Amino acid sequence: MNNKFNSKKFVYKYTDMLYRIAMGYLRNNEDSEDIVQETFFQYIKYVKSGKKFKDEEHEKSWLIRVSINLCCTNKRRKKNISCPI
């Protein structure tokens, strides 16, 4: 993968997708925005730990999985219900 990282371009590329995923699970604007932000925080932690993605598809699928997991965690905390994955 390319070592050059353009954070602005990266955020613009994935924000809409992650937001739509979160809205599909949570049906709440504020919670969905929080999930998108937390997903990017998790991404930064992952990259800073020295781990690498195989390719762009691996990176995208990782972001999707993390956002879904965060949505499910959010739902469990708020309503104490399980989340189908």
Protein backbone atom coordinates (compact mmCIF):
# COMPACT_ATOMS: atom_id res chain seq x y z
CA MET A 1 0.00 0.00 0.00
CA ASN A 2 1.03 3.57 -0.57
CA ASN A 3 2.99 5.00 2.37
CA LYS A 4 1.74 8.52 1.71
CA PHE A 5 -1.32 9.28 3.78
CA ASN A 6 -3.66 12.16 3.04
CA SER A 7 -5.97 12.30 6.07
CA LYS A 8 -8.40 14.81 4.57
CA LYS A 9 -8.86 12.71 1.44
CA PHE A 10 -9.19 9.55 3.53
CA VAL A 11 -11.86 11.05 5.78
CA TYR A 12 -13.86 12.39 2.82
CA LYS A 13 -13.62 9.04 1.09
CA TYR A 14 -15.12 6.98 3.93
CA THR A 15 -17.25 9.33 6.06
CA ASP A 16 -20.44 9.00 4.03
CA MET A 17 -20.23 5.22 3.85
CA LEU A 18 -19.59 4.87 7.59
CA TYR A 19 -22.36 7.31 8.43
CA ARG A 20 -24.89 5.41 6.31
CA ILE A 21 -23.91 2.14 7.98
CA ALA A 22 -24.30 3.68 11.43
CA MET A 23 -27.67 5.24 10.56
CA GLY A 24 -28.87 1.86 9.34
CA TYR A 25 -28.13 0.34 12.73
CA LEU A 26 -28.87 3.21 15.10
CA ARG A 27 -31.45 5.45 13.38
CA ASN A 28 -30.04 8.42 15.28
CA ASN A 29 -28.03 11.26 13.77
CA GLU A 30 -25.94 12.15 16.82
CA ASP A 31 -25.07 8.55 17.67
CA SER A 32 -24.19 7.86 14.04
CA GLU A 33 -21.84 10.83 13.92
CA ASP A 34 -20.21 9.60 17.15
CA ILE A 35 -19.73 6.15 15.62
CA VAL A 36 -18.03 7.62 12.54
CA GLN A 37 -15.70 9.66 14.74
CA GLU A 38 -14.90 6.69 16.99
CA THR A 39 -14.24 4.51 13.93
CA PHE A 40 -11.61 7.00 12.73
CA PHE A 41 -10.08 7.09 16.24
CA GLN A 42 -9.84 3.30 16.18
CA TYR A 43 -8.25 3.49 12.74
CA ILE A 44 -5.61 5.93 13.99
CA LYS A 45 -4.83 3.66 16.97
CA TYR A 46 -4.55 0.66 14.66
CA VAL A 47 -2.18 2.39 12.25
CA LYS A 48 -0.08 3.97 15.02
CA SER A 49 0.40 0.54 16.58
CA GLY A 50 2.41 -0.38 13.49
CA LYS A 51 -0.16 -2.67 11.93
CA LYS A 52 -0.70 -2.48 8.18
CA PHE A 53 -3.49 -3.30 5.79
CA LYS A 54 -2.90 -5.68 2.88
CA ASP A 55 -4.65 -3.41 0.40
CA GLU A 56 -7.41 -0.83 0.09
CA GLU A 57 -10.17 -3.46 0.25
CA HIS A 58 -8.76 -4.82 3.51
CA GLU A 59 -8.71 -1.30 4.92
CA LYS A 60 -12.31 -0.64 3.82
CA SER A 61 -13.62 -3.92 5.21
CA TRP A 62 -11.79 -3.23 8.51
CA LEU A 63 -13.49 0.18 8.77
CA ILE A 64 -16.90 -1.36 8.05
CA ARG A 65 -16.43 -4.12 10.62
CA VAL A 66 -15.25 -1.67 13.30
CA SER A 67 -18.18 0.67 12.68
CA ILE A 68 -20.68 -2.21 12.88
CA ASN A 69 -19.11 -3.45 16.10
CA LEU A 70 -19.27 0.05 17.58
CA CYS A 71 -22.94 0.33 16.55
CA CYS A 72 -23.75 -2.97 18.23
CA THR A 73 -21.92 -1.91 21.38
CA ASN A 74 -23.85 1.37 21.36
CA LYS A 75 -27.17 -0.45 21.02
CA ARG A 76 -26.34 -2.89 23.81
CA ARG A 77 -25.38 -0.07 26.16
CA LYS A 78 -28.49 1.97 25.46
CA LYS A 79 -31.15 -0.69 25.27
CA ASN A 80 -29.53 -3.85 26.54
CA ILE A 81 -30.41 -5.74 23.35
CA SER A 82 -28.34 -7.95 21.10
CA CYS A 83 -27.28 -6.85 17.66
CA PRO A 84 -27.39 -9.21 14.65
CA ILE A 85 -24.10 -9.24 12.83
